[in-house]
Amino acid sequence: MESKKEIYDLLPEGFYPRTVFFKAGTPIYDIAESTGQMDLRYPLIGKPDIGMKALMVKKLETEKELAAYAAVSKIDFLIQECVTWPNEIGIFYYRYPGEAKGHISGIVKKEFLSVTGDGQSTIEELIKKNKRAILQLKILKETYQEKITTVLKEGDEFVLVPYGSHFRGSKFTDISHRADDELTTLIDTICKQVNGFYFGRLDIRYNTWEELKQGKNFSIIELNGAGSEPTHMYDPSHSLFFAWKEIIRHWKILYRISKLNHHPETRPFMSSAMGIEMFRQHKEHKRLIAGSDVK
């Protein structure tokens, strides 16, 4: 179970959104004071400190929404500035201990769940016509309430979920072929500044591809470690066999890194008891997330 706050603390400042950590039950006046001191302005993003499948991730437009989010959260959470760069990708990176340069093993492009107006249909009607969006209809109705009856002008795009989550309806496209030397050097330079990081996925919001490769106008919104998935395998054009192959390939890489990085005193292997306890904590955390009634 990976704490986002602890991971952000490992990243060099300026590479990730300004973020404040709060314990569950923190009063809204303390939250407002802390976010005000950091000059965080609406909209903001609320997310659990230890998350899964983008559950409890919510865009907060007002202090009233922030207060409602904090009131129902049963777990520790983060309040974060909203990154507005229009594009999002996930880059899977690994480097073997002792190796001078790392590798990009996959890149996924994330297309946010959205609908486009035809000048006649309401947002709800457009959702029902969209094969991806209709699967999110219940939560979208709870999120947008009366706004869901709005009729969009022809050609107007309305982003339903403003972050790249496969679980929340985003389309994932494999663009691993774009992993050239320039991009690899950038990601390698960033990851080498994170002590002990050899394997995982960087979820990045950015403006343009060329600016990203030059190290400009981007933000790392998530850095996921050993528990992360090579999400390029979720491209609809890939087969189930491709996904299995990618999972096994990355497990083999992780196994080799673990063997090379092992030290019996400072970096011991996880014991069976520790593994069982981790699964118990995960089950309890999942229960608490489900019990946090975030709409």
Protein backbone atom coordinates (compact mmCIF):
# COMPACT_ATOMS: atom_id res chain seq x y z
CA MET A 1 0.00 0.00 0.00
CA GLU A 2 1.67 3.15 -1.28
CA SER A 3 1.11 6.55 0.33
CA LYS A 4 0.88 9.27 -2.32
CA LYS A 5 2.08 11.84 0.21
CA GLU A 6 5.24 9.85 0.94
CA ILE A 7 5.89 9.40 -2.78
CA TYR A 8 5.37 13.10 -3.56
CA ASP A 9 7.87 13.90 -0.80
CA LEU A 10 10.50 11.90 -2.71
CA LEU A 11 10.01 13.88 -5.93
CA PRO A 12 11.95 17.08 -6.61
CA GLU A 13 9.81 20.19 -6.05
CA GLY A 14 8.21 21.58 -9.16
CA PHE A 15 7.66 18.22 -10.83
CA TYR A 16 4.29 17.56 -9.17
CA PRO A 17 1.17 19.60 -8.23
CA ARG A 18 1.20 21.53 -4.97
CA THR A 19 -0.43 19.19 -2.48
CA VAL A 20 -1.59 19.21 1.15
CA PHE A 21 -2.10 16.07 3.25
CA PHE A 22 -4.97 15.78 5.74
CA LYS A 23 -5.92 13.14 8.25
CA ALA A 24 -9.47 11.81 8.06
CA GLY A 25 -11.74 13.98 10.20
CA THR A 26 -9.75 17.20 9.82
CA PRO A 27 -12.15 20.17 10.33
CA ILE A 28 -12.89 22.25 7.24
CA TYR A 29 -11.53 25.44 8.82
CA ASP A 30 -8.13 23.75 9.24
CA ILE A 31 -8.26 22.54 5.63
CA ALA A 32 -9.24 25.98 4.35
CA GLU A 33 -6.45 27.60 6.34
CA SER A 34 -3.80 25.16 5.03
CA THR A 35 -4.90 25.42 1.41
CA GLY A 36 -5.06 29.20 1.75
CA GLN A 37 -1.51 29.36 3.09
CA MET A 38 -0.36 27.49 -0.02
CA ASP A 39 -2.46 29.78 -2.23
CA LEU A 40 -4.34 26.81 -3.71
CA ARG A 41 -7.24 28.10 -5.75
CA TYR A 42 -10.37 26.43 -7.07
CA PRO A 43 -10.93 24.13 -8.74
CA LEU A 44 -8.99 21.67 -6.59
CA ILE A 45 -8.57 17.91 -6.72
CA GLY A 46 -9.38 15.70 -3.76
CA LYS A 47 -7.91 12.19 -3.68
CA PRO A 48 -7.23 9.49 -1.08
CA ASP A 49 -3.67 9.30 0.19
CA ILE A 50 -3.73 5.57 -0.55
CA GLY A 51 -5.94 5.10 -3.56
CA MET A 52 -7.19 2.50 -6.01
CA LYS A 53 -8.92 2.74 -9.39
CA ALA A 54 -9.43 6.52 -9.01
CA LEU A 55 -12.07 5.91 -6.33
CA MET A 56 -12.69 9.03 -4.23
CA VAL A 57 -10.91 11.24 -6.77
CA LYS A 58 -13.03 14.34 -7.27
CA LYS A 59 -12.74 17.77 -8.80
CA LEU A 60 -13.82 20.34 -6.20
CA GLU A 61 -15.15 23.64 -7.54
CA THR A 62 -16.01 25.46 -4.29
CA GLU A 63 -15.28 25.48 -0.56
CA LYS A 64 -18.72 23.94 -0.03
CA GLU A 65 -17.70 20.95 -2.19
CA LEU A 66 -14.38 20.75 -0.36
CA ALA A 67 -16.16 20.69 2.99
CA ALA A 68 -18.54 17.96 1.78
CA TYR A 69 -15.60 15.90 0.50
CA ALA A 70 -13.74 16.17 3.81
CA ALA A 71 -16.86 15.39 5.83
CA VAL A 72 -17.50 12.01 4.19
CA SER A 73 -13.89 10.83 3.83
CA LYS A 74 -13.14 7.96 6.21
CA ILE A 75 -9.48 7.80 5.18
CA ASP A 76 -6.57 10.22 4.97
CA PHE A 77 -6.70 12.36 1.84
CA LEU A 78 -4.88 14.95 -0.25
CA ILE A 79 -6.06 18.29 -1.59
CA GLN A 80 -4.14 19.25 -4.69
CA GLU A 81 -4.02 22.02 -7.24
CA CYS A 82 -5.84 21.11 -10.43
CA VAL A 83 -3.42 20.60 -13.31
CA THR A 84 -5.02 21.96 -16.47
CA TRP A 85 -2.63 20.71 -19.15
CA PRO A 86 -4.93 19.10 -21.76
CA ASN A 87 -3.14 15.77 -22.29
CA GLU A 88 -2.34 12.80 -20.05
CA ILE A 89 -0.10 9.77 -20.47
CA GLY A 90 1.25 6.97 -18.32
CA ILE A 91 4.92 6.09 -18.80
CA PHE A 92 6.22 2.80 -17.41
CA TYR A 93 9.88 3.05 -16.43
CA TYR A 94 12.46 0.68 -14.99
CA ARG A 95 16.19 0.68 -14.27
CA TYR A 96 18.26 -2.20 -12.95
CA PRO A 97 20.36 -1.31 -9.87
CA GLY A 98 23.88 -0.48 -10.98
CA GLU A 99 22.75 0.34 -14.51
CA ALA A 100 23.66 3.80 -15.83
CA LYS A 101 20.46 4.38 -17.79
CA GLY A 102 16.88 3.22 -17.41
CA HIS A 103 14.26 2.15 -19.91
CA ILE A 104 10.70 3.01 -20.93
CA SER A 105 8.77 -0.24 -21.34
CA GLY A 106 5.41 1.25 -22.28
CA ILE A 107 3.46 4.47 -22.82
CA VAL A 108 -0.31 4.81 -22.66
CA LYS A 109 -2.27 7.76 -24.00
CA LYS A 110 -5.40 8.56 -21.96
CA GLU A 111 -8.48 10.01 -23.61
CA PHE A 112 -10.80 11.50 -21.01
CA LEU A 113 -14.42 10.34 -20.96
CA SER A 114 -16.46 12.97 -22.79
CA VAL A 115 -19.48 13.54 -24.99
CA THR A 116 -19.97 15.88 -27.96
CA GLY A 117 -23.16 17.89 -28.41
CA ASP A 118 -25.49 17.55 -31.39
CA GLY A 119 -27.66 20.57 -30.57
CA GLN A 120 -30.65 18.40 -29.61
CA SER A 121 -29.69 15.80 -27.01
CA THR A 122 -29.18 16.36 -23.29
CA ILE A 123 -25.93 15.32 -21.65
CA GLU A 124 -27.74 12.31 -20.18
CA GLU A 125 -29.01 11.27 -23.61
CA LEU A 126 -25.51 11.64 -25.07
CA ILE A 127 -24.14 9.50 -22.25
CA LYS A 128 -26.64 6.77 -23.05
CA LYS A 129 -25.49 6.77 -26.70
CA ASN A 130 -21.83 6.41 -25.70
CA LYS A 131 -20.66 2.81 -25.08
CA ARG A 132 -18.09 3.89 -22.50
CA ALA A 133 -20.04 6.66 -20.81
CA ILE A 134 -23.21 4.63 -20.28
CA LEU A 135 -21.28 2.35 -17.92
CA GLN A 136 -20.68 5.40 -15.71
CA LEU A 137 -24.25 6.71 -15.91
CA LYS A 138 -25.17 6.21 -12.25
CA ILE A 139 -22.17 8.05 -10.82
CA LEU A 140 -22.34 10.74 -13.52
CA LYS A 141 -25.97 11.47 -12.65
CA GLU A 142 -24.96 11.79 -8.99
CA THR A 143 -22.04 14.04 -9.95
CA TYR A 144 -23.82 16.44 -12.33
CA GLN A 145 -27.38 16.23 -10.96
CA GLU A 146 -29.59 18.85 -12.72
CA LYS A 147 -26.78 19.82 -15.11
CA ILE A 148 -27.15 16.44 -16.81
CA THR A 149 -30.33 17.72 -18.51
CA THR A 150 -28.37 20.47 -20.33
CA VAL A 151 -28.49 20.37 -24.14
CA LEU A 152 -25.03 20.90 -25.62
CA LYS A 153 -24.53 22.95 -28.77
CA GLU A 154 -23.55 21.00 -31.86
CA GLY A 155 -19.83 20.24 -31.78
CA ASP A 156 -19.32 21.30 -28.14
CA GLU A 157 -17.32 18.74 -26.16
CA PHE A 158 -18.16 18.15 -22.50
CA VAL A 159 -15.56 16.29 -20.43
CA LEU A 160 -17.40 14.02 -18.03
CA VAL A 161 -14.40 12.73 -16.06
CA PRO A 162 -11.44 15.18 -16.08
CA TYR A 163 -8.72 12.63 -15.25
CA GLY A 164 -7.32 9.59 -16.96
CA SER A 165 -8.75 6.57 -15.20
CA HIS A 166 -9.59 3.38 -17.10
CA PHE A 167 -11.94 2.45 -14.27
CA ARG A 168 -13.74 5.80 -14.72
CA GLY A 169 -14.17 5.45 -18.47
CA SER A 170 -11.02 6.84 -20.11
CA LYS A 171 -9.88 5.17 -23.31
CA PHE A 172 -6.30 3.88 -23.17
CA THR A 173 -4.21 3.77 -26.35
CA ASP A 174 -0.78 2.16 -26.57
CA ILE A 175 1.75 4.68 -27.91
CA SER A 176 4.87 2.88 -26.70
CA HIS A 177 6.47 3.47 -30.10
CA ARG A 178 6.98 7.12 -29.12
CA ALA A 179 9.59 6.21 -26.49
CA ASP A 180 12.63 7.78 -28.13
CA ASP A 181 16.02 8.70 -26.62
CA GLU A 182 14.98 12.27 -25.79
CA LEU A 183 11.94 11.20 -23.77
CA THR A 184 13.84 8.35 -22.10
CA THR A 185 16.60 10.77 -21.02
CA LEU A 186 14.03 13.12 -19.47
CA ILE A 187 12.24 10.36 -17.53
CA ASP A 188 15.56 8.82 -16.53
CA THR A 189 16.79 12.15 -15.16
CA ILE A 190 13.63 12.59 -13.08
CA CYS A 191 13.54 9.04 -11.73
CA LYS A 192 17.20 9.03 -10.72
CA GLN A 193 16.37 11.89 -8.34
CA VAL A 194 13.90 9.65 -6.50
CA ASN A 195 15.94 7.65 -4.02
CA GLY A 196 15.43 3.89 -4.42
CA PHE A 197 13.03 4.15 -7.37
CA TYR A 198 13.72 1.49 -10.01
CA PHE A 199 10.32 0.34 -11.26
CA GLY A 200 6.93 1.95 -11.76
CA ARG A 201 4.64 4.22 -13.73
CA LEU A 202 4.57 8.00 -14.01
CA ASP A 203 1.18 9.50 -14.84
CA ILE A 204 1.86 12.86 -16.46
CA ARG A 205 -0.29 15.80 -17.57
CA TYR A 206 1.33 17.91 -20.28
CA ASN A 207 0.68 20.61 -22.87
CA THR A 208 2.31 19.38 -26.08
CA TRP A 209 4.46 16.35 -26.88
CA GLU A 210 7.44 18.44 -28.00
CA GLU A 211 7.33 20.57 -24.85
CA LEU A 212 7.17 17.44 -22.72
CA LYS A 213 10.29 15.98 -24.33
CA GLN A 214 12.05 19.28 -23.68
CA GLY A 215 11.08 19.11 -20.01
CA LYS A 216 8.57 21.99 -20.26
CA ASN A 217 4.93 22.44 -19.25
CA PHE A 218 4.19 19.10 -17.59
CA SER A 219 3.35 17.78 -14.15
CA ILE A 220 3.66 14.32 -12.59
CA ILE A 221 0.23 13.77 -11.08
CA GLU A 222 1.01 10.23 -9.88
CA LEU A 223 4.16 8.19 -9.31
CA ASN A 224 3.30 4.52 -8.76
CA GLY A 225 5.82 1.93 -7.59
CA ALA A 226 6.02 -1.84 -7.56
CA GLY A 227 2.25 -2.25 -7.40
CA SER A 228 1.61 -0.38 -10.65
CA GLU A 229 0.37 -1.88 -13.90
CA PRO A 230 1.72 -1.49 -17.45
CA THR A 231 -1.52 0.20 -18.46
CA HIS A 232 -0.69 0.32 -22.19
CA MET A 233 -1.95 -3.28 -22.18
CA TYR A 234 -5.52 -1.90 -21.83
CA ASP A 235 -5.52 -0.59 -25.39
CA PRO A 236 -8.73 -2.12 -26.90
CA SER A 237 -6.74 -3.26 -29.93
CA HIS A 238 -4.62 -5.57 -27.77
CA SER A 239 -5.62 -9.15 -27.00
CA LEU A 240 -5.91 -10.82 -23.63
CA PHE A 241 -2.80 -12.83 -24.50
CA PHE A 242 -0.88 -9.58 -25.09
CA ALA A 243 -1.94 -8.35 -21.63
CA TRP A 244 -0.81 -11.57 -19.97
CA LYS A 245 2.50 -11.37 -21.81
CA GLU A 246 3.06 -7.78 -20.65
CA ILE A 247 2.22 -8.60 -17.04
CA ILE A 248 4.64 -11.55 -17.02
CA ARG A 249 7.34 -9.46 -18.73
CA HIS A 250 7.09 -6.76 -16.07
CA TRP A 251 6.98 -9.28 -13.23
CA LYS A 252 10.24 -10.73 -14.52
CA ILE A 253 11.80 -7.26 -14.60
CA LEU A 254 10.56 -6.55 -11.06
CA TYR A 255 11.91 -9.91 -9.83
CA ARG A 256 15.35 -9.18 -11.25
CA ILE A 257 15.40 -5.68 -9.74
CA SER A 258 14.36 -7.11 -6.36
CA LYS A 259 17.18 -9.66 -6.46
CA LEU A 260 19.77 -7.05 -7.41
CA ASN A 261 18.51 -4.53 -4.85
CA HIS A 262 18.19 -7.00 -1.98
CA HIS A 263 20.16 -6.53 1.23
CA PRO A 264 19.32 -8.76 4.23
CA GLU A 265 19.60 -5.90 6.73
CA THR A 266 18.70 -2.66 4.95
CA ARG A 267 16.44 -4.00 2.15
CA PRO A 268 15.13 -7.42 3.21
CA PHE A 269 12.52 -9.36 1.27
CA MET A 270 8.95 -9.16 2.50
CA SER A 271 8.08 -12.03 4.83
CA SER A 272 4.91 -14.12 4.53
CA ALA A 273 3.56 -12.50 7.70
CA MET A 274 4.17 -9.03 6.27
CA GLY A 275 2.42 -10.02 3.05
CA ILE A 276 -0.63 -11.34 4.90
CA GLU A 277 -0.80 -8.16 6.97
CA MET A 278 -0.57 -6.04 3.83
CA PHE A 279 -3.53 -7.90 2.30
CA ARG A 280 -5.50 -7.42 5.54
CA GLN A 281 -4.78 -3.68 5.47
CA HIS A 282 -5.72 -3.51 1.81
CA LYS A 283 -9.06 -5.19 2.47
CA GLU A 284 -9.82 -2.80 5.32
CA HIS A 285 -8.75 0.22 3.28
CA LYS A 286 -10.99 -0.88 0.41
CA ARG A 287 -13.90 -1.11 2.83
CA LEU A 288 -13.27 2.41 4.12
CA ILE A 289 -13.04 3.85 0.60
CA ALA A 290 -16.34 2.19 -0.31
CA GLY A 291 -17.84 3.67 2.86
CA SER A 292 -16.71 7.20 1.98
CA ASP A 293 -19.77 8.50 0.16
CA VAL A 294 -18.00 10.73 -2.36
CA LYS A 295 -20.25 11.69 -5.30
